[in-house]
C-alpha atoms as a PDB file:
ATOM      1  CA  MET A   1     -58.754  52.205 -29.613  1.00  0.00           C
ATOM      2  CA  ASN A   2     -58.667  55.929 -30.277  1.00  0.00           C
ATOM      3  CA  LEU A   3     -55.912  57.650 -32.226  1.00  0.00           C
ATOM      4  CA  MET A   4     -54.258  59.127 -29.139  1.00  0.00           C
ATOM      5  CA  ASN A   5     -53.922  55.731 -27.451  1.00  0.00           C
ATOM      6  CA  LEU A   6     -52.648  54.199 -30.686  1.00  0.00           C
ATOM      7  CA  ASN A   7     -49.962  56.855 -31.025  1.00  0.00           C
ATOM      8  CA  LEU A   8     -48.988  56.419 -27.389  1.00  0.00           C
ATOM      9  CA  LEU A   9     -48.675  52.662 -27.857  1.00  0.00           C
ATOM     10  CA  SER A  10     -46.540  53.183 -30.968  1.00  0.00           C
ATOM     11  CA  LEU A  11     -44.245  55.563 -29.106  1.00  0.00           C
ATOM     12  CA  CYS A  12     -43.828  53.032 -26.274  1.00  0.00           C
ATOM     13  CA  LEU A  13     -42.940  50.259 -28.695  1.00  0.00           C
ATOM     14  CA  MET A  14     -40.452  52.468 -30.492  1.00  0.00           C
ATOM     15  CA  PHE A  15     -38.894  53.454 -27.154  1.00  0.00           C
ATOM     16  CA  LEU A  16     -38.513  49.792 -26.147  1.00  0.00           C
ATOM     17  CA  ILE A  17     -36.912  48.955 -29.493  1.00  0.00           C
ATOM     18  CA  ILE A  18     -34.442  51.817 -29.083  1.00  0.00           C
ATOM     19  CA  LEU A  19     -33.601  50.728 -25.538  1.00  0.00           C
ATOM     20  CA  ASN A  20     -33.052  47.186 -26.726  1.00  0.00           C
ATOM     21  CA  LYS A  21     -30.658  48.344 -29.451  1.00  0.00           C
ATOM     22  CA  ILE A  22     -28.747  50.632 -27.114  1.00  0.00           C
ATOM     23  CA  PHE A  23     -28.551  48.613 -23.913  1.00  0.00           C
ATOM     24  CA  VAL A  24     -29.022  44.944 -24.777  1.00  0.00           C
ATOM     25  CA  VAL A  25     -26.547  43.011 -26.881  1.00  0.00           C
ATOM     26  CA  LYS A  26     -26.965  39.539 -28.235  1.00  0.00           C
ATOM     27  CA  SER A  27     -25.366  36.698 -26.328  1.00  0.00           C
ATOM     28  CA  GLU A  28     -21.651  36.524 -27.153  1.00  0.00           C
ATOM     29  CA  TYR A  29     -19.876  33.161 -27.570  1.00  0.00           C
ATOM     30  CA  MET A  30     -16.215  32.760 -26.769  1.00  0.00           C
ATOM     31  CA  THR A  31     -13.478  30.242 -26.072  1.00  0.00           C
ATOM     32  CA  ALA A  32     -10.665  30.730 -23.576  1.00  0.00           C
ATOM     33  CA  THR A  33      -7.485  28.706 -23.221  1.00  0.00           C
ATOM     34  CA  GLY A  34      -4.509  28.868 -20.880  1.00  0.00           C
ATOM     35  CA  GLN A  35      -2.470  27.041 -18.279  1.00  0.00           C
ATOM     36  CA  VAL A  36      -2.701  27.487 -14.502  1.00  0.00           C
ATOM     37  CA  PHE A  37       0.107  27.084 -11.976  1.00  0.00           C
ATOM     38  CA  CYS A  38       0.668  27.420  -8.251  1.00  0.00           C
ATOM     39  CA  ASN A  39       4.136  28.728  -7.460  1.00  0.00           C
ATOM     40  CA  GLY A  40       5.318  27.253 -10.754  1.00  0.00           C
ATOM     41  CA  ILE A  41       3.638  23.846 -10.273  1.00  0.00           C
ATOM     42  CA  ALA A  42       0.778  22.851 -12.564  1.00  0.00           C
ATOM     43  CA  LEU A  43      -2.644  23.107 -10.907  1.00  0.00           C
ATOM     44  CA  LYS A  44      -3.837  19.736 -12.147  1.00  0.00           C
ATOM     45  CA  TYR A  45      -7.552  18.944 -12.298  1.00  0.00           C
ATOM     46  CA  VAL A  46      -8.541  22.257 -10.700  1.00  0.00           C
ATOM     47  CA  THR A  47     -11.965  23.755 -11.532  1.00  0.00           C
ATOM     48  CA  ILE A  48     -11.822  26.472 -14.218  1.00  0.00           C
ATOM     49  CA  LYS A  49     -14.631  28.953 -14.868  1.00  0.00           C
ATOM     50  CA  LEU A  50     -14.750  31.473 -17.693  1.00  0.00           C
ATOM     51  CA  MET A  51     -16.548  34.475 -16.210  1.00  0.00           C
ATOM     52  CA  ASP A  52     -18.083  37.728 -17.428  1.00  0.00           C
ATOM     53  CA  SER A  53     -17.660  40.651 -15.062  1.00  0.00           C
ATOM     54  CA  ASP A  54     -20.928  42.528 -14.508  1.00  0.00           C
ATOM     55  CA  THR A  55     -22.016  45.408 -12.319  1.00  0.00           C
ATOM     56  CA  ASP A  56     -24.228  42.991 -10.361  1.00  0.00           C
ATOM     57  CA  ALA A  57     -23.606  39.234 -10.233  1.00  0.00           C
ATOM     58  CA  ASP A  58     -20.961  37.982 -12.660  1.00  0.00           C
ATOM     59  CA  ASP A  59     -22.125  35.561 -15.351  1.00  0.00           C
ATOM     60  CA  THR A  60     -20.494  32.236 -16.144  1.00  0.00           C
ATOM     61  CA  PHE A  61     -19.616  31.516 -19.782  1.00  0.00           C
ATOM     62  CA  GLY A  62     -18.639  27.928 -19.056  1.00  0.00           C
ATOM     63  CA  THR A  63     -16.908  25.553 -16.642  1.00  0.00           C
ATOM     64  CA  THR A  64     -14.236  22.908 -17.166  1.00  0.00           C
ATOM     65  CA  ARG A  65     -11.410  21.167 -15.364  1.00  0.00           C
ATOM     66  CA  ALA A  66      -7.708  21.688 -16.028  1.00  0.00           C
ATOM     67  CA  ASP A  67      -5.770  18.641 -17.199  1.00  0.00           C
ATOM     68  CA  ILE A  68      -2.802  17.085 -15.401  1.00  0.00           C
ATOM     69  CA  ASN A  69      -0.561  19.847 -16.777  1.00  0.00           C
ATOM     70  CA  GLY A  70      -2.899  22.664 -15.728  1.00  0.00           C
ATOM     71  CA  LYS A  71      -3.990  23.316 -19.323  1.00  0.00           C
ATOM     72  CA  PHE A  72      -7.601  24.203 -20.056  1.00  0.00           C
ATOM     73  CA  SER A  73     -10.008  25.157 -22.814  1.00  0.00           C
ATOM     74  CA  VAL A  74     -13.444  26.447 -21.871  1.00  0.00           C
ATOM     75  CA  SER A  75     -16.270  27.840 -24.015  1.00  0.00           C
ATOM     76  CA  GLY A  76     -19.699  29.345 -23.570  1.00  0.00           C
ATOM     77  CA  SER A  77     -21.993  32.326 -24.039  1.00  0.00           C
ATOM     78  CA  ALA A  78     -22.715  35.432 -21.991  1.00  0.00           C
ATOM     79  CA  SER A  79     -24.126  38.906 -22.542  1.00  0.00           C
ATOM     80  CA  ASP A  80     -23.931  42.324 -20.907  1.00  0.00           C
ATOM     81  CA  LEU A  81     -26.632  44.925 -20.449  1.00  0.00           C
ATOM     82  CA  ILE A  82     -24.257  47.514 -21.877  1.00  0.00           C
ATOM     83  CA  GLY A  83     -21.466  46.740 -24.317  1.00  0.00           C
ATOM     84  CA  SER A  84     -19.542  43.502 -24.667  1.00  0.00           C
ATOM     85  CA  PRO A  85     -18.616  40.943 -21.992  1.00  0.00           C
ATOM     86  CA  ASP A  86     -15.542  41.468 -19.819  1.00  0.00           C
ATOM     87  CA  PRO A  87     -14.055  37.967 -19.551  1.00  0.00           C
ATOM     88  CA  TYR A  88     -11.746  36.651 -16.848  1.00  0.00           C
ATOM     89  CA  ILE A  89     -10.751  33.249 -15.487  1.00  0.00           C
ATOM     90  CA  LEU A  90     -11.916  32.088 -12.047  1.00  0.00           C
ATOM     91  CA  VAL A  91     -10.029  29.152 -10.504  1.00  0.00           C
ATOM     92  CA  GLU A  92     -11.895  27.280  -7.764  1.00  0.00           C
ATOM     93  CA  TYR A  93      -9.904  24.867  -5.604  1.00  0.00           C
ATOM     94  CA  THR A  94     -12.206  21.893  -5.929  1.00  0.00           C
ATOM     95  CA  TYR A  95     -11.765  18.416  -7.382  1.00  0.00           C
ATOM     96  CA  SER A  96     -14.116  15.500  -8.042  1.00  0.00           C
ATOM     97  CA  GLY A  97     -13.031  12.327  -9.753  1.00  0.00           C
ATOM     98  CA  ILE A  98     -11.507   8.891  -9.379  1.00  0.00           C
ATOM     99  CA  TYR A  99      -9.559   9.859  -6.241  1.00  0.00           C
ATOM    100  CA  GLY A 100     -12.623  11.219  -4.417  1.00  0.00           C
ATOM    101  CA  ALA A 101     -13.783  14.790  -3.925  1.00  0.00           C
ATOM    102  CA  LEU A 102     -11.921  17.755  -2.434  1.00  0.00           C
ATOM    103  CA  GLU A 103     -12.866  21.321  -1.610  1.00  0.00           C
ATOM    104  CA  ILE A 104     -10.569  23.964  -0.180  1.00  0.00           C
ATOM    105  CA  GLN A 105     -12.443  26.537   1.889  1.00  0.00           C
ATOM    106  CA  ALA A 106     -10.967  29.833   3.055  1.00  0.00           C
ATOM    107  CA  GLY A 107     -12.011  32.788   5.150  1.00  0.00           C
ATOM    108  CA  LEU A 108     -14.267  33.127   8.164  1.00  0.00           C
ATOM    109  CA  LEU A 109     -17.365  32.471   6.020  1.00  0.00           C
ATOM    110  CA  GLU A 110     -15.849  29.194   4.773  1.00  0.00           C
ATOM    111  CA  SER A 111     -16.407  29.997   1.099  1.00  0.00           C
ATOM    112  CA  VAL A 112     -14.781  27.948  -1.647  1.00  0.00           C
ATOM    113  CA  GLY A 113     -11.148  28.958  -2.026  1.00  0.00           C
ATOM    114  CA  SER A 114     -10.529  30.624  -5.376  1.00  0.00           C
ATOM    115  CA  ASP A 115      -8.309  32.938  -7.411  1.00  0.00           C
ATOM    116  CA  GLU A 116      -9.010  34.970 -10.523  1.00  0.00           C
ATOM    117  CA  THR A 117      -7.210  36.727 -13.335  1.00  0.00           C
ATOM    118  CA  SER A 118      -7.703  40.310 -14.439  1.00  0.00           C
ATOM    119  CA  GLU A 119     -10.306  41.043 -17.109  1.00  0.00           C
ATOM    120  CA  LYS A 120      -9.429  41.010 -20.796  1.00  0.00           C
ATOM    121  CA  PRO A 121     -11.130  42.794 -23.696  1.00  0.00           C
ATOM    122  CA  TYR A 122     -13.749  40.596 -25.290  1.00  0.00           C
ATOM    123  CA  ALA A 123     -12.808  38.465 -28.281  1.00  0.00           C
ATOM    124  CA  SER A 124     -14.336  35.286 -29.629  1.00  0.00           C
ATOM    125  CA  SER A 125     -11.127  33.436 -28.722  1.00  0.00           C
ATOM    126  CA  ILE A 126      -8.671  34.432 -25.975  1.00  0.00           C
ATOM    127  CA  ASN A 127      -5.493  32.756 -24.820  1.00  0.00           C
ATOM    128  CA  PHE A 128      -4.910  33.746 -21.191  1.00  0.00           C
ATOM    129  CA  GLY A 129      -1.451  32.215 -21.395  1.00  0.00           C
ATOM    130  CA  ILE A 130       0.450  31.230 -18.247  1.00  0.00           C
ATOM    131  CA  ILE A 131      -1.511  32.000 -15.058  1.00  0.00           C
ATOM    132  CA  ASN A 132       0.473  31.628 -11.842  1.00  0.00           C
ATOM    133  CA  PHE A 133      -0.842  31.989  -8.283  1.00  0.00           C
ATOM    134  CA  ASN A 134       1.123  31.710  -5.048  1.00  0.00           C
ATOM    135  CA  ASN A 135      -0.853  31.364  -1.830  1.00  0.00           C
ATOM    136  CA  GLN A 136      -1.971  28.927   0.860  1.00  0.00           C
ATOM    137  CA  GLU A 137      -5.171  28.015  -0.998  1.00  0.00           C
ATOM    138  CA  CYS A 138      -3.511  26.704  -4.151  1.00  0.00           C
ATOM    139  CA  LYS A 139      -0.631  25.049  -2.261  1.00  0.00           C
ATOM    140  CA  SER A 140      -3.002  23.282   0.140  1.00  0.00           C
ATOM    141  CA  TYR A 141      -5.076  22.107  -2.828  1.00  0.00           C
ATOM    142  CA  LEU A 142      -2.067  20.555  -4.550  1.00  0.00           C
ATOM    143  CA  ASN A 143      -0.648  18.897  -1.444  1.00  0.00           C
ATOM    144  CA  VAL A 144      -3.950  17.400  -0.271  1.00  0.00           C
ATOM    145  CA  LEU A 145      -4.860  16.263  -3.801  1.00  0.00           C
ATOM    146  CA  ASN A 146      -1.442  14.611  -4.108  1.00  0.00           C
ATOM    147  CA  ALA A 147      -2.075  12.850  -0.787  1.00  0.00           C
ATOM    148  CA  MET A 148      -5.407  11.593  -2.173  1.00  0.00           C
ATOM    149  CA  ILE A 149      -3.704  10.368  -5.349  1.00  0.00           C
ATOM    150  CA  GLU A 150      -1.040   8.586  -3.303  1.00  0.00           C
ATOM    151  CA  TYR A 151      -3.757   6.951  -1.174  1.00  0.00           C
ATOM    152  CA  TYR A 152      -5.409   5.662  -4.355  1.00  0.00           C
ATOM    153  CA  ASP A 153      -2.095   4.432  -5.757  1.00  0.00           C
ATOM    154  CA  ARG A 154      -1.357   2.544  -2.536  1.00  0.00           C
ATOM    155  CA  THR A 155      -4.800   1.040  -2.040  1.00  0.00           C
ATOM    156  CA  THR A 156      -6.594   1.134  -5.451  1.00  0.00           C
ATOM    157  CA  ILE A 157      -9.619   2.740  -3.739  1.00  0.00           C
ATOM    158  CA  LYS A 158     -10.625   6.361  -3.297  1.00  0.00           C
ATOM    159  CA  ILE A 159     -10.776   8.072   0.085  1.00  0.00           C
ATOM    160  CA  PRO A 160     -13.835   6.979   2.124  1.00  0.00           C
ATOM    161  CA  VAL A 161     -15.615  10.333   2.425  1.00  0.00           C
ATOM    162  CA  THR A 162     -18.215  11.948   0.165  1.00  0.00           C
ATOM    163  CA  LYS A 163     -16.152  15.142   0.068  1.00  0.00           C
ATOM    164  CA  LEU A 164     -12.949  16.017   1.880  1.00  0.00           C
ATOM    165  CA  ILE A 165     -13.129  19.592   3.165  1.00  0.00           C
ATOM    166  CA  VAL A 166     -10.026  21.589   4.055  1.00  0.00           C
ATOM    167  CA  GLU A 167     -11.024  24.607   6.126  1.00  0.00           C
ATOM    168  CA  LEU A 168      -8.293  27.243   6.182  1.00  0.00           C
ATOM    169  CA  ASP A 169      -8.237  30.303   8.450  1.00  0.00           C
ATOM    170  CA  GLU A 170     -10.202  28.731  11.303  1.00  0.00           C
ATOM    171  CA  ILE A 171     -10.183  30.526  14.641  1.00  0.00           C
ATOM    172  CA  PHE A 172     -10.276  29.231  18.225  1.00  0.00           C
ATOM    173  CA  ILE A 173      -8.794  25.817  17.374  1.00  0.00           C
ATOM    174  CA  GLY A 174      -5.230  26.177  18.643  1.00  0.00           C
ATOM    175  CA  ASN A 175      -2.052  26.364  16.602  1.00  0.00           C
ATOM    176  CA  THR A 176      -1.932  23.093  14.673  1.00  0.00           C
ATOM    177  CA  PRO A 177      -4.252  21.368  12.177  1.00  0.00           C
ATOM    178  CA  TYR A 178      -6.537  18.574  13.268  1.00  0.00           C
ATOM    179  CA  SER A 179      -8.935  16.281  11.415  1.00  0.00           C
ATOM    180  CA  SER A 180     -12.387  14.873  12.115  1.00  0.00           C
ATOM    181  CA  THR A 181     -14.253  12.386   9.893  1.00  0.00           C
ATOM    182  CA  ASP A 182     -14.379  14.496   6.725  1.00  0.00           C
ATOM    183  CA  THR A 183     -12.712  17.843   7.457  1.00  0.00           C
ATOM    184  CA  ILE A 184      -9.131  18.993   7.951  1.00  0.00           C
ATOM    185  CA  HIS A 185      -9.253  22.073  10.183  1.00  0.00           C
ATOM    186  CA  VAL A 186      -6.369  24.517   9.692  1.00  0.00           C
ATOM    187  CA  PRO A 187      -5.865  27.389  12.174  1.00  0.00           C
ATOM    188  CA  ASP A 188      -5.914  31.022  11.113  1.00  0.00           C
ATOM    189  CA  ASN A 189      -2.427  32.170  10.093  1.00  0.00           C
ATOM    190  CA  TYR A 190      -1.047  28.617  10.243  1.00  0.00           C
ATOM    191  CA  ASN A 191       1.890  28.520   7.778  1.00  0.00           C
ATOM    192  CA  TYR A 192      -0.033  31.336   6.127  1.00  0.00           C
ATOM    193  CA  ASN A 193       1.793  31.675   2.822  1.00  0.00           C
ATOM    194  CA  ASN A 194       2.221  27.941   2.242  1.00  0.00           C
ATOM    195  CA  GLY A 195      -0.823  26.227   3.780  1.00  0.00           C
ATOM    196  CA  LEU A 196      -0.680  22.487   4.415  1.00  0.00           C
ATOM    197  CA  ASP A 197       2.638  21.009   3.316  1.00  0.00           C
ATOM    198  CA  ALA A 198       2.974  17.583   1.681  1.00  0.00           C
ATOM    199  CA  LEU A 199       3.850  15.668   4.866  1.00  0.00           C
ATOM    200  CA  THR A 200       1.089  17.252   6.950  1.00  0.00           C
ATOM    201  CA  SER A 201      -1.409  16.558   4.164  1.00  0.00           C
ATOM    202  CA  LYS A 202      -0.539  12.833   4.198  1.00  0.00           C
ATOM    203  CA  HIS A 203      -0.696  12.767   7.998  1.00  0.00           C
ATOM    204  CA  GLU A 204      -4.075  14.479   8.212  1.00  0.00           C
ATOM    205  CA  LEU A 205      -5.557  12.425   5.385  1.00  0.00           C
ATOM    206  CA  ALA A 206      -4.559   9.286   7.304  1.00  0.00           C
ATOM    207  CA  HIS A 207      -6.529  10.629  10.289  1.00  0.00           C
ATOM    208  CA  ILE A 208      -9.558  11.253   8.039  1.00  0.00           C
ATOM    209  CA  VAL A 209      -9.441   7.639   6.807  1.00  0.00           C
ATOM    210  CA  ARG A 210      -8.981   6.162  10.260  1.00  0.00           C
ATOM    211  CA  HIS A 211     -11.702   8.288  11.901  1.00  0.00           C
ATOM    212  CA  THR A 212     -14.163   7.583   9.072  1.00  0.00           C
ATOM    213  CA  PHE A 213     -13.697   3.823   9.238  1.00  0.00           C
ATOM    214  CA  ASP A 214     -13.811   3.900  13.052  1.00  0.00           C
ATOM    215  CA  GLY A 215     -17.362   5.248  13.171  1.00  0.00           C
ATOM    216  CA  SER A 216     -19.647   8.259  13.095  1.00  0.00           C
ATOM    217  CA  TYR A 217     -18.808  11.841  13.952  1.00  0.00           C
ATOM    218  CA  THR A 218     -20.402  11.239  17.355  1.00  0.00           C
ATOM    219  CA  HIS A 219     -18.057   8.308  17.899  1.00  0.00           C
ATOM    220  CA  PHE A 220     -15.135  10.534  16.909  1.00  0.00           C
ATOM    221  CA  LEU A 221     -16.152  13.146  19.497  1.00  0.00           C
ATOM    222  CA  SER A 222     -16.359  10.414  22.118  1.00  0.00           C
ATOM    223  CA  ASP A 223     -12.809   9.313  21.258  1.00  0.00           C
ATOM    224  CA  VAL A 224     -11.615  12.933  21.461  1.00  0.00           C
ATOM    225  CA  ILE A 225     -12.744  12.956  25.092  1.00  0.00           C
ATOM    226  CA  ASN A 226     -11.812   9.386  26.032  1.00  0.00           C
ATOM    227  CA  TYR A 227      -8.280   9.524  24.600  1.00  0.00           C
ATOM    228  CA  ASN A 228      -7.578  13.253  24.959  1.00  0.00           C
ATOM    229  CA  TYR A 229      -6.917  13.832  21.259  1.00  0.00           C
ATOM    230  CA  MET A 230      -6.615  17.615  21.642  1.00  0.00           C
ATOM    231  CA  GLN A 231      -3.041  17.843  22.905  1.00  0.00           C
ATOM    232  CA  TYR A 232       0.381  18.702  21.558  1.00  0.00           C
ATOM    233  CA  HIS A 233       2.569  15.675  20.870  1.00  0.00           C
ATOM    234  CA  SER A 234       5.622  14.257  19.131  1.00  0.00           C
ATOM    235  CA  CYS A 235       6.926  10.824  18.133  1.00  0.00           C
ATOM    236  CA  SER A 236       8.312  10.337  21.642  1.00  0.00           C
ATOM    237  CA  SER A 237       5.204  11.448  23.554  1.00  0.00           C
ATOM    238  CA  ILE A 238       3.978   9.030  26.213  1.00  0.00           C
ATOM    239  CA  THR A 239       0.195   9.268  26.361  1.00  0.00           C
ATOM    240  CA  ASN A 240      -2.363   6.435  26.284  1.00  0.00           C
ATOM    241  CA  ASN A 241      -3.074   3.485  23.989  1.00  0.00           C
ATOM    242  CA  GLY A 242      -5.895   5.252  22.127  1.00  0.00           C
ATOM    243  CA  PHE A 243      -4.037   8.496  21.483  1.00  0.00           C
ATOM    244  CA  ALA A 244      -0.790   6.717  20.597  1.00  0.00           C
ATOM    245  CA  PHE A 245      -2.532   4.446  18.098  1.00  0.00           C
ATOM    246  CA  ASN A 246      -4.406   7.318  16.459  1.00  0.00           C
ATOM    247  CA  GLU A 247      -1.232   9.346  15.947  1.00  0.00           C
ATOM    248  CA  GLY A 248       0.921   6.295  15.269  1.00  0.00           C
ATOM    249  CA  TRP A 249      -1.380   5.270  12.428  1.00  0.00           C
ATOM    250  CA  ALA A 250      -1.055   8.714  10.811  1.00  0.00           C
ATOM    251  CA  GLU A 251       2.730   8.655  11.272  1.00  0.00           C
ATOM    252  CA  PHE A 252       2.949   5.144   9.795  1.00  0.00           C
ATOM    253  CA  TRP A 253       1.022   6.300   6.739  1.00  0.00           C
ATOM    254  CA  ALA A 254       3.033   9.495   6.310  1.00  0.00           C
ATOM    255  CA  GLY A 255       6.400   7.777   6.832  1.00  0.00           C
ATOM    256  CA  GLU A 256       7.224   9.543  10.103  1.00  0.00           C
ATOM    257  CA  CYS A 257       8.924   8.388  13.326  1.00  0.00           C
ATOM    258  CA  THR A 258      11.151   5.899  11.496  1.00  0.00           C
ATOM    259  CA  THR A 259      13.814   5.493  14.207  1.00  0.00           C
ATOM    260  CA  TYR A 260      11.547   4.045  16.903  1.00  0.00           C
ATOM    261  CA  ILE A 261      11.787   0.330  17.714  1.00  0.00           C
ATOM    262  CA  GLY A 262      10.314  -0.003  21.222  1.00  0.00           C
ATOM    263  CA  THR A 263       7.335  -2.106  22.284  1.00  0.00           C
ATOM    264  CA  THR A 264       5.728   0.386  24.654  1.00  0.00           C
ATOM    265  CA  TYR A 265       2.647   1.205  22.613  1.00  0.00           C
ATOM    266  CA  THR A 266       1.623   4.242  24.568  1.00  0.00           C
ATOM    267  CA  ILE A 267       4.450   5.930  22.632  1.00  0.00           C
ATOM    268  CA  GLU A 268       3.169   6.872  19.175  1.00  0.00           C
ATOM    269  CA  GLY A 269       6.547   6.494  17.469  1.00  0.00           C
ATOM    270  CA  ASN A 270       6.632   2.866  18.600  1.00  0.00           C
ATOM    271  CA  VAL A 271       3.121   2.340  17.193  1.00  0.00           C
ATOM    272  CA  ALA A 272       4.170   3.749  13.805  1.00  0.00           C
ATOM    273  CA  SER A 273       7.180   1.415  13.679  1.00  0.00           C
ATOM    274  CA  ALA A 274       5.116  -1.577  14.858  1.00  0.00           C
ATOM    275  CA  LEU A 275       2.632  -1.002  12.044  1.00  0.00           C
ATOM    276  CA  ARG A 276       5.481  -0.926   9.530  1.00  0.00           C
ATOM    277  CA  GLN A 277       6.887  -4.125  11.035  1.00  0.00           C
ATOM    278  CA  LEU A 278       3.477  -5.820  10.913  1.00  0.00           C
ATOM    279  CA  LYS A 279       3.013  -4.888   7.257  1.00  0.00           C
ATOM    280  CA  SER A 280       6.501  -6.135   6.377  1.00  0.00           C
ATOM    281  CA  THR A 281       6.456  -9.335   8.449  1.00  0.00           C
ATOM    282  CA  CYS A 282       3.039 -10.416   7.210  1.00  0.00           C
ATOM    283  CA  GLY A 283       3.538  -9.236   3.648  1.00  0.00           C
ATOM    284  CA  SER A 284       0.430  -7.094   3.941  1.00  0.00           C
ATOM    285  CA  SER A 285      -0.400  -4.517   1.311  1.00  0.00           C
ATOM    286  CA  TYR A 286      -1.588  -1.024   2.203  1.00  0.00           C
ATOM    287  CA  TYR A 287      -5.005  -2.158   0.992  1.00  0.00           C
ATOM    288  CA  LYS A 288      -5.018  -4.961   3.561  1.00  0.00           C
ATOM    289  CA  MET A 289      -3.980  -2.573   6.327  1.00  0.00           C
ATOM    290  CA  ILE A 290      -6.877  -0.306   5.373  1.00  0.00           C
ATOM    291  CA  MET A 291      -9.285  -3.268   5.343  1.00  0.00           C
ATOM    292  CA  VAL A 292      -8.411  -4.004   8.966  1.00  0.00           C
ATOM    293  CA  LEU A 293      -9.784  -0.578   9.849  1.00  0.00           C
ATOM    294  CA  LYS A 294     -12.768  -0.786   7.500  1.00  0.00           C
ATOM    295  CA  ASN A 295     -13.918  -4.195   8.709  1.00  0.00           C
ATOM    296  CA  ASN A 296     -13.685  -3.343  12.405  1.00  0.00           C
ATOM    297  CA  PRO A 297     -15.473  -0.042  13.090  1.00  0.00           C
ATOM    298  CA  GLY A 298     -15.433   1.162  16.666  1.00  0.00           C
ATOM    299  CA  THR A 299     -13.184  -1.638  17.938  1.00  0.00           C
ATOM    300  CA  ILE A 300      -9.589  -0.556  17.223  1.00  0.00           C
ATOM    301  CA  HIS A 301      -8.162   1.910  19.739  1.00  0.00           C
ATOM    302  CA  SER A 302      -4.705   0.495  20.367  1.00  0.00           C
ATOM    303  CA  PHE A 303      -1.927  -1.265  18.500  1.00  0.00           C
ATOM    304  CA  ALA A 304      -2.879  -4.500  20.259  1.00  0.00           C
ATOM    305  CA  ASP A 305      -6.412  -4.155  18.880  1.00  0.00           C
ATOM    306  CA  PHE A 306      -5.088  -3.626  15.344  1.00  0.00           C
ATOM    307  CA  ASN A 307      -2.592  -6.479  15.647  1.00  0.00           C
ATOM    308  CA  ASN A 308      -5.305  -8.901  16.768  1.00  0.00           C
ATOM    309  CA  LYS A 309      -7.793  -7.788  14.105  1.00  0.00           C
ATOM    310  CA  HIS A 310      -5.078  -8.164  11.455  1.00  0.00           C
ATOM    311  CA  TYR A 311      -4.582 -11.724  12.681  1.00  0.00           C
ATOM    312  CA  SER A 312      -8.323 -12.400  12.479  1.00  0.00           C
ATOM    313  CA  LEU A 313      -8.379 -11.306   8.833  1.00  0.00           C
ATOM    314  CA  TYR A 314      -5.010 -12.551   7.572  1.00  0.00           C
ATOM    315  CA  SER A 315      -3.758 -15.090  10.162  1.00  0.00           C
ATOM    316  CA  CYS A 316      -0.613 -13.091  10.877  1.00  0.00           C
ATOM    317  CA  LYS A 317       0.529 -10.810  13.710  1.00  0.00           C
ATOM    318  CA  ILE A 318       3.730  -9.718  15.428  1.00  0.00           C
END
């Protein structure tokens, strides 16, 4: 190698060293703590990510889950091309645990629902303090998760789907939520600031359970057509045995339509009350009521069907 090439190589190496010192910093480690709320209610078990804001894709320091009180502590390392990291907290409305799995999706692209804090100056330890959000994403998360917890408390088993999806802001689906075998579909601008309330969450989760145990998604679509599921209704609606049972089951589970006592089971309010009477008369637990559905896929599309299958399992009917 001649002297000119050697000098050129030396200059290049020196230039790279200078660039590295100016523009590249070593990986920075930090710990962040805080407590997350939704309209003043603790965002229990929500996914917490400690992020570093970058000019391109943001880096993730670390990921954790808030505890039952919304408290979190998350640690990890990140680095910036220029200067120090710019940390912030990203809250994703997802849950996975003993009660099952839940993901809130929002927007036309159906991305994971999330919120974030503003950036803070870098420090090795930062307390983000009280973080409070107030929107349909966080409220829907809490209400549906509470419905899942209640289902577990009643039955001792988790919900029967790999992941429960709640799709907010859907278009072209009417004005009210509806559920398939694993997804609760919520119309665009439905109860926009508050999302799914507690009662609706219980009702729709009951549909998810019933549709899942009844059969495949194809079977669900067949029932939609056969029993005209896509219609507006109330406790007093007179429809058909299949529709009335489907809605009556959800109303039984959610504690709705409590004043109905009739025996015309094309009226969903009567179905809800009959299911309560059956449970009480036979001393059945909620677990046993669920097992009637689970053990008889594709065969229960009326209260009479459920009553007879309950008798087959537990030797009791009304």
